[in-house]
């Protein structure tokens, strides 16, 4: 994790999960290695992507999606536009 975030040009990582409870569990577990962990639901990211004026996730460089294989193709395309 430090390799992603550390040093100049490091990434701001955002973890996403299908549910709020899963986001809480992920935040708790990842905080052992990363005290500044950000975890939210996939729905929050999609809502921000639809509202281009929303700056909540504007500094995100890497998006980690829990259970990504379960995400429909249409949603994957929306997520890819989020990081552009």
PDB file of N, CA and C in Angstrom:
ATOM      1  N   UNK A   1       0.819  -1.195   0.000  1.00  0.00           N
ATOM      2  CA  UNK A   1       0.000   0.000   0.000  1.00  0.00           C
ATOM      3  C   UNK A   1       0.858   1.252   0.000  1.00  0.00           C
ATOM      4  N   UNK A   2       1.931   1.232   0.765  1.00  0.00           N
ATOM      5  CA  UNK A   2       2.803   2.398   0.814  1.00  0.00           C
ATOM      6  C   UNK A   2       3.417   2.684  -0.548  1.00  0.00           C
ATOM      7  N   UNK A   3       3.652   1.642  -1.336  1.00  0.00           N
ATOM      8  CA  UNK A   3       4.214   1.849  -2.677  1.00  0.00           C
ATOM      9  C   UNK A   3       3.268   2.660  -3.545  1.00  0.00           C
ATOM     10  N   UNK A   4       1.975   2.482  -3.358  1.00  0.00           N
ATOM     11  CA  UNK A   4       1.001   3.247  -4.130  1.00  0.00           C
ATOM     12  C   UNK A   4       0.940   4.694  -3.681  1.00  0.00           C
ATOM     13  N   UNK A   5       0.990   4.912  -2.376  1.00  0.00           N
ATOM     14  CA  UNK A   5       0.756   6.249  -1.834  1.00  0.00           C
ATOM     15  C   UNK A   5       2.019   7.054  -1.604  1.00  0.00           C
ATOM     16  N   UNK A   6       3.120   6.374  -1.314  1.00  0.00           N
ATOM     17  CA  UNK A   6       4.312   7.070  -0.865  1.00  0.00           C
ATOM     18  C   UNK A   6       5.031   7.852  -1.945  1.00  0.00           C
ATOM     19  N   UNK A   7       5.757   8.852  -1.492  1.00  0.00           N
ATOM     20  CA  UNK A   7       6.645   9.608  -2.375  1.00  0.00           C
ATOM     21  C   UNK A   7       5.928  10.534  -3.317  1.00  0.00           C
ATOM     22  N   UNK A   8       6.728  11.311  -4.053  1.00  0.00           N
ATOM     23  CA  UNK A   8       6.151  12.209  -5.047  1.00  0.00           C
ATOM     24  C   UNK A   8       5.423  11.410  -6.114  1.00  0.00           C
ATOM     25  N   UNK A   9       4.309  11.906  -6.535  1.00  0.00           N
ATOM     26  CA  UNK A   9       3.533  11.212  -7.554  1.00  0.00           C
ATOM     27  C   UNK A   9       2.749  10.036  -7.011  1.00  0.00           C
ATOM     28  N   UNK A  10       2.631   9.934  -5.675  1.00  0.00           N
ATOM     29  CA  UNK A  10       1.870   8.845  -5.066  1.00  0.00           C
ATOM     30  C   UNK A  10       0.393   8.958  -5.429  1.00  0.00           C
ATOM     31  N   UNK A  11      -0.314   7.874  -5.246  1.00  0.00           N
ATOM     32  CA  UNK A  11      -1.726   7.810  -5.608  1.00  0.00           C
ATOM     33  C   UNK A  11      -2.613   8.034  -4.396  1.00  0.00           C
ATOM     34  N   UNK A  12      -3.753   8.642  -4.629  1.00  0.00           N
ATOM     35  CA  UNK A  12      -4.821   8.720  -3.634  1.00  0.00           C
ATOM     36  C   UNK A  12      -5.748   7.553  -3.934  1.00  0.00           C
ATOM     37  N   UNK A  13      -5.812   6.585  -3.021  1.00  0.00           N
ATOM     38  CA  UNK A  13      -6.578   5.362  -3.238  1.00  0.00           C
ATOM     39  C   UNK A  13      -7.946   5.489  -2.576  1.00  0.00           C
ATOM     40  N   UNK A  14      -8.982   5.098  -3.312  1.00  0.00           N
ATOM     41  CA  UNK A  14     -10.342   5.071  -2.786  1.00  0.00           C
ATOM     42  C   UNK A  14     -10.856   3.648  -2.903  1.00  0.00           C
ATOM     43  N   UNK A  15     -11.275   3.077  -1.786  1.00  0.00           N
ATOM     44  CA  UNK A  15     -11.840   1.735  -1.760  1.00  0.00           C
ATOM     45  C   UNK A  15     -13.354   1.837  -1.820  1.00  0.00           C
ATOM     46  N   UNK A  16     -13.978   1.001  -2.655  1.00  0.00           N
ATOM     47  CA  UNK A  16     -15.433   0.991  -2.746  1.00  0.00           C
ATOM     48  C   UNK A  16     -15.957  -0.418  -2.540  1.00  0.00           C
ATOM     49  N   UNK A  17     -17.156  -0.488  -2.006  1.00  0.00           N
ATOM     50  CA  UNK A  17     -17.801  -1.771  -1.725  1.00  0.00           C
ATOM     51  C   UNK A  17     -19.272  -1.671  -2.112  1.00  0.00           C
ATOM     52  N   UNK A  18     -19.953  -2.809  -2.204  1.00  0.00           N
ATOM     53  CA  UNK A  18     -21.374  -2.771  -2.575  1.00  0.00           C
ATOM     54  C   UNK A  18     -22.276  -2.172  -1.499  1.00  0.00           C
ATOM     55  N   UNK A  19     -21.913  -2.320  -0.223  1.00  0.00           N
ATOM     56  CA  UNK A  19     -22.798  -1.855   0.853  1.00  0.00           C
ATOM     57  C   UNK A  19     -22.026  -1.011   1.870  1.00  0.00           C
ATOM     58  N   UNK A  20     -22.768  -0.262   2.652  1.00  0.00           N
ATOM     59  CA  UNK A  20     -22.165   0.558   3.698  1.00  0.00           C
ATOM     60  C   UNK A  20     -21.499  -0.284   4.772  1.00  0.00           C
ATOM     61  N   UNK A  21     -22.105  -1.413   5.114  1.00  0.00           N
ATOM     62  CA  UNK A  21     -21.512  -2.291   6.123  1.00  0.00           C
ATOM     63  C   UNK A  21     -20.179  -2.854   5.627  1.00  0.00           C
ATOM     64  N   UNK A  22     -20.137  -3.245   4.359  1.00  0.00           N
ATOM     65  CA  UNK A  22     -18.894  -3.753   3.778  1.00  0.00           C
ATOM     66  C   UNK A  22     -17.826  -2.664   3.750  1.00  0.00           C
ATOM     67  N   UNK A  23     -18.231  -1.421   3.489  1.00  0.00           N
ATOM     68  CA  UNK A  23     -17.284  -0.303   3.490  1.00  0.00           C
ATOM     69  C   UNK A  23     -16.698  -0.110   4.885  1.00  0.00           C
ATOM     70  N   UNK A  24     -17.530  -0.239   5.893  1.00  0.00           N
ATOM     71  CA  UNK A  24     -17.054  -0.108   7.270  1.00  0.00           C
ATOM     72  C   UNK A  24     -16.042  -1.210   7.604  1.00  0.00           C
ATOM     73  N   UNK A  25     -16.364  -2.445   7.236  1.00  0.00           N
ATOM     74  CA  UNK A  25     -15.461  -3.575   7.509  1.00  0.00           C
ATOM     75  C   UNK A  25     -14.147  -3.370   6.759  1.00  0.00           C
ATOM     76  N   UNK A  26     -14.214  -2.990   5.501  1.00  0.00           N
ATOM     77  CA  UNK A  26     -13.005  -2.769   4.708  1.00  0.00           C
ATOM     78  C   UNK A  26     -12.167  -1.645   5.307  1.00  0.00           C
ATOM     79  N   UNK A  27     -12.822  -0.559   5.696  1.00  0.00           N
ATOM     80  CA  UNK A  27     -12.120   0.580   6.307  1.00  0.00           C
ATOM     81  C   UNK A  27     -11.399   0.142   7.583  1.00  0.00           C
ATOM     82  N   UNK A  28     -12.059  -0.674   8.395  1.00  0.00           N
ATOM     83  CA  UNK A  28     -11.475  -1.162   9.639  1.00  0.00           C
ATOM     84  C   UNK A  28     -10.253  -2.030   9.374  1.00  0.00           C
ATOM     85  N   UNK A  29     -10.364  -2.921   8.407  1.00  0.00           N
ATOM     86  CA  UNK A  29      -9.260  -3.840   8.122  1.00  0.00           C
ATOM     87  C   UNK A  29      -8.091  -3.157   7.437  1.00  0.00           C
ATOM     88  N   UNK A  30      -8.362  -2.286   6.487  1.00  0.00           N
ATOM     89  CA  UNK A  30      -7.283  -1.627   5.750  1.00  0.00           C
ATOM     90  C   UNK A  30      -6.595  -0.573   6.611  1.00  0.00           C
ATOM     91  N   UNK A  31      -7.301  -0.034   7.591  1.00  0.00           N
ATOM     92  CA  UNK A  31      -6.702   1.008   8.439  1.00  0.00           C
ATOM     93  C   UNK A  31      -5.519   0.485   9.251  1.00  0.00           C
ATOM     94  N   UNK A  32      -5.366  -0.818   9.321  1.00  0.00           N
ATOM     95  CA  UNK A  32      -4.187  -1.389   9.989  1.00  0.00           C
ATOM     96  C   UNK A  32      -2.909  -1.018   9.243  1.00  0.00           C
ATOM     97  N   UNK A  33      -3.011  -0.886   7.912  1.00  0.00           N
ATOM     98  CA  UNK A  33      -1.852  -0.557   7.084  1.00  0.00           C
ATOM     99  C   UNK A  33      -1.877   0.879   6.600  1.00  0.00           C
ATOM    100  N   UNK A  34      -3.070   1.454   6.543  1.00  0.00           N
ATOM    101  CA  UNK A  34      -3.225   2.792   5.991  1.00  0.00           C
ATOM    102  C   UNK A  34      -4.178   3.585   6.877  1.00  0.00           C
ATOM    103  N   UNK A  35      -3.627   4.450   7.699  1.00  0.00           N
ATOM    104  CA  UNK A  35      -4.454   5.211   8.645  1.00  0.00           C
ATOM    105  C   UNK A  35      -5.379   6.199   7.934  1.00  0.00           C
ATOM    106  N   UNK A  36      -5.025   6.601   6.731  1.00  0.00           N
ATOM    107  CA  UNK A  36      -5.824   7.584   5.987  1.00  0.00           C
ATOM    108  C   UNK A  36      -6.751   6.932   4.970  1.00  0.00           C
ATOM    109  N   UNK A  37      -7.142   5.697   5.219  1.00  0.00           N
ATOM    110  CA  UNK A  37      -7.955   4.953   4.253  1.00  0.00           C
ATOM    111  C   UNK A  37      -9.299   5.643   4.022  1.00  0.00           C
ATOM    112  N   UNK A  38      -9.712   5.643   2.758  1.00  0.00           N
ATOM    113  CA  UNK A  38     -11.029   6.164   2.380  1.00  0.00           C
ATOM    114  C   UNK A  38     -11.808   5.010   1.774  1.00  0.00           C
ATOM    115  N   UNK A  39     -12.957   4.710   2.345  1.00  0.00           N
ATOM    116  CA  UNK A  39     -13.813   3.641   1.824  1.00  0.00           C
ATOM    117  C   UNK A  39     -15.247   4.141   1.796  1.00  0.00           C
ATOM    118  N   UNK A  40     -15.931   3.853   0.708  1.00  0.00           N
ATOM    119  CA  UNK A  40     -17.324   4.268   0.564  1.00  0.00           C
ATOM    120  C   UNK A  40     -18.053   3.237  -0.295  1.00  0.00           C
ATOM    121  N   UNK A  41     -19.330   3.458  -0.495  1.00  0.00           N
ATOM    122  CA  UNK A  41     -20.082   2.529  -1.331  1.00  0.00           C
ATOM    123  C   UNK A  41     -19.889   2.875  -2.802  1.00  0.00           C
ATOM    124  N   UNK A  42     -20.093   1.887  -3.619  1.00  0.00           N
ATOM    125  CA  UNK A  42     -20.009   2.076  -5.060  1.00  0.00           C
ATOM    126  C   UNK A  42     -21.055   3.083  -5.526  1.00  0.00           C
ATOM    127  N   UNK A  43     -22.195   3.084  -4.872  1.00  0.00           N
ATOM    128  CA  UNK A  43     -23.266   4.020  -5.226  1.00  0.00           C
ATOM    129  C   UNK A  43     -22.845   5.478  -4.995  1.00  0.00           C
ATOM    130  N   UNK A  44     -22.080   5.731  -3.947  1.00  0.00           N
ATOM    131  CA  UNK A  44     -21.605   7.091  -3.699  1.00  0.00           C
ATOM    132  C   UNK A  44     -20.684   7.564  -4.820  1.00  0.00           C
ATOM    133  N   UNK A  45     -19.829   6.673  -5.297  1.00  0.00           N
ATOM    134  CA  UNK A  45     -18.909   7.025  -6.382  1.00  0.00           C
ATOM    135  C   UNK A  45     -19.686   7.282  -7.669  1.00  0.00           C
ATOM    136  N   UNK A  46     -20.667   6.428  -7.948  1.00  0.00           N
ATOM    137  CA  UNK A  46     -21.467   6.613  -9.159  1.00  0.00           C
ATOM    138  C   UNK A  46     -22.264   7.911  -9.119  1.00  0.00           C
ATOM    139  N   UNK A  47     -22.798   8.242  -7.955  1.00  0.00           N
ATOM    140  CA  UNK A  47     -23.545   9.506  -7.827  1.00  0.00           C
ATOM    141  C   UNK A  47     -22.628  10.695  -8.077  1.00  0.00           C
ATOM    142  N   UNK A  48     -21.407  10.640  -7.567  1.00  0.00           N
ATOM    143  CA  UNK A  48     -20.449  11.723  -7.784  1.00  0.00           C
ATOM    144  C   UNK A  48     -20.037  11.801  -9.248  1.00  0.00           C
ATOM    145  N   UNK A  49     -19.918  10.643  -9.899  1.00  0.00           N
ATOM    146  CA  UNK A  49     -19.548  10.619 -11.321  1.00  0.00           C
ATOM    147  C   UNK A  49     -20.640  11.239 -12.178  1.00  0.00           C
ATOM    148  N   UNK A  50     -21.877  11.059 -11.791  1.00  0.00           N
ATOM    149  CA  UNK A  50     -22.993  11.643 -12.555  1.00  0.00           C
ATOM    150  C   UNK A  50     -23.046  13.154 -12.379  1.00  0.00           C
ATOM    151  N   UNK A  51     -22.661  13.618 -11.191  1.00  0.00           N
ATOM    152  CA  UNK A  51     -22.623  15.057 -10.922  1.00  0.00           C
ATOM    153  C   UNK A  51     -21.180  15.515 -11.095  1.00  0.00           C
ATOM    154  N   UNK A  52     -20.801  15.853 -12.267  1.00  0.00           N
ATOM    155  CA  UNK A  52     -19.408  16.223 -12.553  1.00  0.00           C
ATOM    156  C   UNK A  52     -18.926  17.382 -11.687  1.00  0.00           C
ATOM    157  N   UNK A  53     -19.842  18.177 -11.155  1.00  0.00           N
ATOM    158  CA  UNK A  53     -19.444  19.311 -10.325  1.00  0.00           C
ATOM    159  C   UNK A  53     -19.067  18.887  -8.910  1.00  0.00           C
ATOM    160  N   UNK A  54     -19.393  17.645  -8.532  1.00  0.00           N
ATOM    161  CA  UNK A  54     -19.090  17.142  -7.194  1.00  0.00           C
ATOM    162  C   UNK A  54     -17.586  16.895  -7.072  1.00  0.00           C
ATOM    163  N   UNK A  55     -16.940  17.565  -6.138  1.00  0.00           N
ATOM    164  CA  UNK A  55     -15.489  17.465  -5.959  1.00  0.00           C
ATOM    165  C   UNK A  55     -15.088  16.495  -4.853  1.00  0.00           C
ATOM    166  N   UNK A  56     -16.035  15.721  -4.341  1.00  0.00           N
ATOM    167  CA  UNK A  56     -15.776  14.832  -3.207  1.00  0.00           C
ATOM    168  C   UNK A  56     -14.639  13.845  -3.474  1.00  0.00           C
ATOM    169  N   UNK A  57     -14.558  13.345  -4.697  1.00  0.00           N
ATOM    170  CA  UNK A  57     -13.543  12.355  -5.038  1.00  0.00           C
ATOM    171  C   UNK A  57     -12.588  12.879  -6.099  1.00  0.00           C
ATOM    172  N   UNK A  58     -12.434  14.167  -6.199  1.00  0.00           N
ATOM    173  CA  UNK A  58     -11.661  14.763  -7.288  1.00  0.00           C
ATOM    174  C   UNK A  58     -10.183  14.410  -7.265  1.00  0.00           C
ATOM    175  N   UNK A  59      -9.625  14.085  -6.118  1.00  0.00           N
ATOM    176  CA  UNK A  59      -8.194  13.794  -6.043  1.00  0.00           C
ATOM    177  C   UNK A  59      -7.880  12.297  -6.076  1.00  0.00           C
ATOM    178  N   UNK A  60      -8.848  11.460  -6.415  1.00  0.00           N
ATOM    179  CA  UNK A  60      -8.650  10.018  -6.457  1.00  0.00           C
ATOM    180  C   UNK A  60      -7.862   9.620  -7.694  1.00  0.00           C
ATOM    181  N   UNK A  61      -6.795   8.837  -7.475  1.00  0.00           N
ATOM    182  CA  UNK A  61      -5.975   8.342  -8.581  1.00  0.00           C
ATOM    183  C   UNK A  61      -6.219   6.869  -8.857  1.00  0.00           C
ATOM    184  N   UNK A  62      -6.561   6.117  -7.825  1.00  0.00           N
ATOM    185  CA  UNK A  62      -6.774   4.678  -7.970  1.00  0.00           C
ATOM    186  C   UNK A  62      -8.060   4.288  -7.246  1.00  0.00           C
ATOM    187  N   UNK A  63      -8.886   3.550  -7.952  1.00  0.00           N
ATOM    188  CA  UNK A  63     -10.159   3.105  -7.404  1.00  0.00           C
ATOM    189  C   UNK A  63     -10.103   1.590  -7.226  1.00  0.00           C
ATOM    190  N   UNK A  64     -10.274   1.126  -5.989  1.00  0.00           N
ATOM    191  CA  UNK A  64     -10.288  -0.307  -5.694  1.00  0.00           C
ATOM    192  C   UNK A  64     -11.741  -0.688  -5.442  1.00  0.00           C
ATOM    193  N   UNK A  65     -12.245  -1.633  -6.239  1.00  0.00           N
ATOM    194  CA  UNK A  65     -13.650  -2.038  -6.134  1.00  0.00           C
ATOM    195  C   UNK A  65     -13.719  -3.460  -5.601  1.00  0.00           C
ATOM    196  N   UNK A  66     -14.313  -3.610  -4.423  1.00  0.00           N
ATOM    197  CA  UNK A  66     -14.512  -4.927  -3.832  1.00  0.00           C
ATOM    198  C   UNK A  66     -15.571  -5.673  -4.644  1.00  0.00           C
ATOM    199  N   UNK A  67     -15.332  -6.945  -4.921  1.00  0.00           N
ATOM    200  CA  UNK A  67     -16.252  -7.795  -5.675  1.00  0.00           C
ATOM    201  C   UNK A  67     -16.552  -7.224  -7.058  1.00  0.00           C
ATOM    202  N   UNK A  68     -15.508  -6.768  -7.745  1.00  0.00           N
ATOM    203  CA  UNK A  68     -15.680  -6.132  -9.056  1.00  0.00           C
ATOM    204  C   UNK A  68     -16.287  -7.075 -10.086  1.00  0.00           C
ATOM    205  N   UNK A  69     -16.058  -8.352  -9.952  1.00  0.00           N
ATOM    206  CA  UNK A  69     -16.609  -9.305 -10.919  1.00  0.00           C
ATOM    207  C   UNK A  69     -18.136  -9.315 -10.902  1.00  0.00           C
ATOM    208  N   UNK A  70     -18.730  -8.825  -9.841  1.00  0.00           N
ATOM    209  CA  UNK A  70     -20.185  -8.778  -9.728  1.00  0.00           C
ATOM    210  C   UNK A  70     -20.785  -7.485 -10.292  1.00  0.00           C
ATOM    211  N   UNK A  71     -19.933  -6.560 -10.696  1.00  0.00           N
ATOM    212  CA  UNK A  71     -20.401  -5.264 -11.188  1.00  0.00           C
ATOM    213  C   UNK A  71     -20.781  -5.394 -12.664  1.00  0.00           C
ATOM    214  N   UNK A  72     -22.000  -4.972 -13.053  1.00  0.00           N
ATOM    215  CA  UNK A  72     -22.420  -5.051 -14.453  1.00  0.00           C
ATOM    216  C   UNK A  72     -21.541  -4.185 -15.371  1.00  0.00           C
ATOM    217  N   UNK A  73     -21.472  -4.560 -16.629  1.00  0.00           N
ATOM    218  CA  UNK A  73     -20.642  -3.862 -17.608  1.00  0.00           C
ATOM    219  C   UNK A  73     -20.976  -2.376 -17.682  1.00  0.00           C
ATOM    220  N   UNK A  74     -22.261  -2.027 -17.655  1.00  0.00           N
ATOM    221  CA  UNK A  74     -22.665  -0.625 -17.743  1.00  0.00           C
ATOM    222  C   UNK A  74     -22.084   0.195 -16.591  1.00  0.00           C
ATOM    223  N   UNK A  75     -22.081  -0.397 -15.413  1.00  0.00           N
ATOM    224  CA  UNK A  75     -21.546   0.288 -14.237  1.00  0.00           C
ATOM    225  C   UNK A  75     -20.029   0.399 -14.349  1.00  0.00           C
ATOM    226  N   UNK A  76     -19.380  -0.622 -14.894  1.00  0.00           N
ATOM    227  CA  UNK A  76     -17.926  -0.573 -15.096  1.00  0.00           C
ATOM    228  C   UNK A  76     -17.558   0.588 -16.012  1.00  0.00           C
ATOM    229  N   UNK A  77     -18.356   0.796 -17.048  1.00  0.00           N
ATOM    230  CA  UNK A  77     -18.091   1.912 -17.961  1.00  0.00           C
ATOM    231  C   UNK A  77     -18.256   3.253 -17.266  1.00  0.00           C
ATOM    232  N   UNK A  78     -19.268   3.374 -16.415  1.00  0.00           N
ATOM    233  CA  UNK A  78     -19.456   4.603 -15.645  1.00  0.00           C
ATOM    234  C   UNK A  78     -18.257   4.847 -14.717  1.00  0.00           C
ATOM    235  N   UNK A  79     -17.777   3.784 -14.091  1.00  0.00           N
ATOM    236  CA  UNK A  79     -16.626   3.922 -13.196  1.00  0.00           C
ATOM    237  C   UNK A  79     -15.379   4.342 -13.947  1.00  0.00           C
ATOM    238  N   UNK A  80     -15.194   3.816 -15.140  1.00  0.00           N
ATOM    239  CA  UNK A  80     -14.011   4.204 -15.911  1.00  0.00           C
ATOM    240  C   UNK A  80     -14.065   5.675 -16.291  1.00  0.00           C
ATOM    241  N   UNK A  81     -15.257   6.200 -16.545  1.00  0.00           N
ATOM    242  CA  UNK A  81     -15.356   7.630 -16.870  1.00  0.00           C
ATOM    243  C   UNK A  81     -15.129   8.498 -15.642  1.00  0.00           C
ATOM    244  N   UNK A  82     -15.340   7.934 -14.458  1.00  0.00           N
ATOM    245  CA  UNK A  82     -15.115   8.661 -13.212  1.00  0.00           C
ATOM    246  C   UNK A  82     -13.658   9.082 -13.061  1.00  0.00           C
ATOM    247  N   UNK A  83     -12.754   8.206 -13.465  1.00  0.00           N
ATOM    248  CA  UNK A  83     -11.330   8.481 -13.269  1.00  0.00           C
ATOM    249  C   UNK A  83     -10.708   9.262 -14.419  1.00  0.00           C
ATOM    250  N   UNK A  84     -11.459   9.561 -15.438  1.00  0.00           N
ATOM    251  CA  UNK A  84     -10.898  10.322 -16.570  1.00  0.00           C
ATOM    252  C   UNK A  84     -10.967  11.808 -16.344  1.00  0.00           C
TER     253      UNK A  84
END
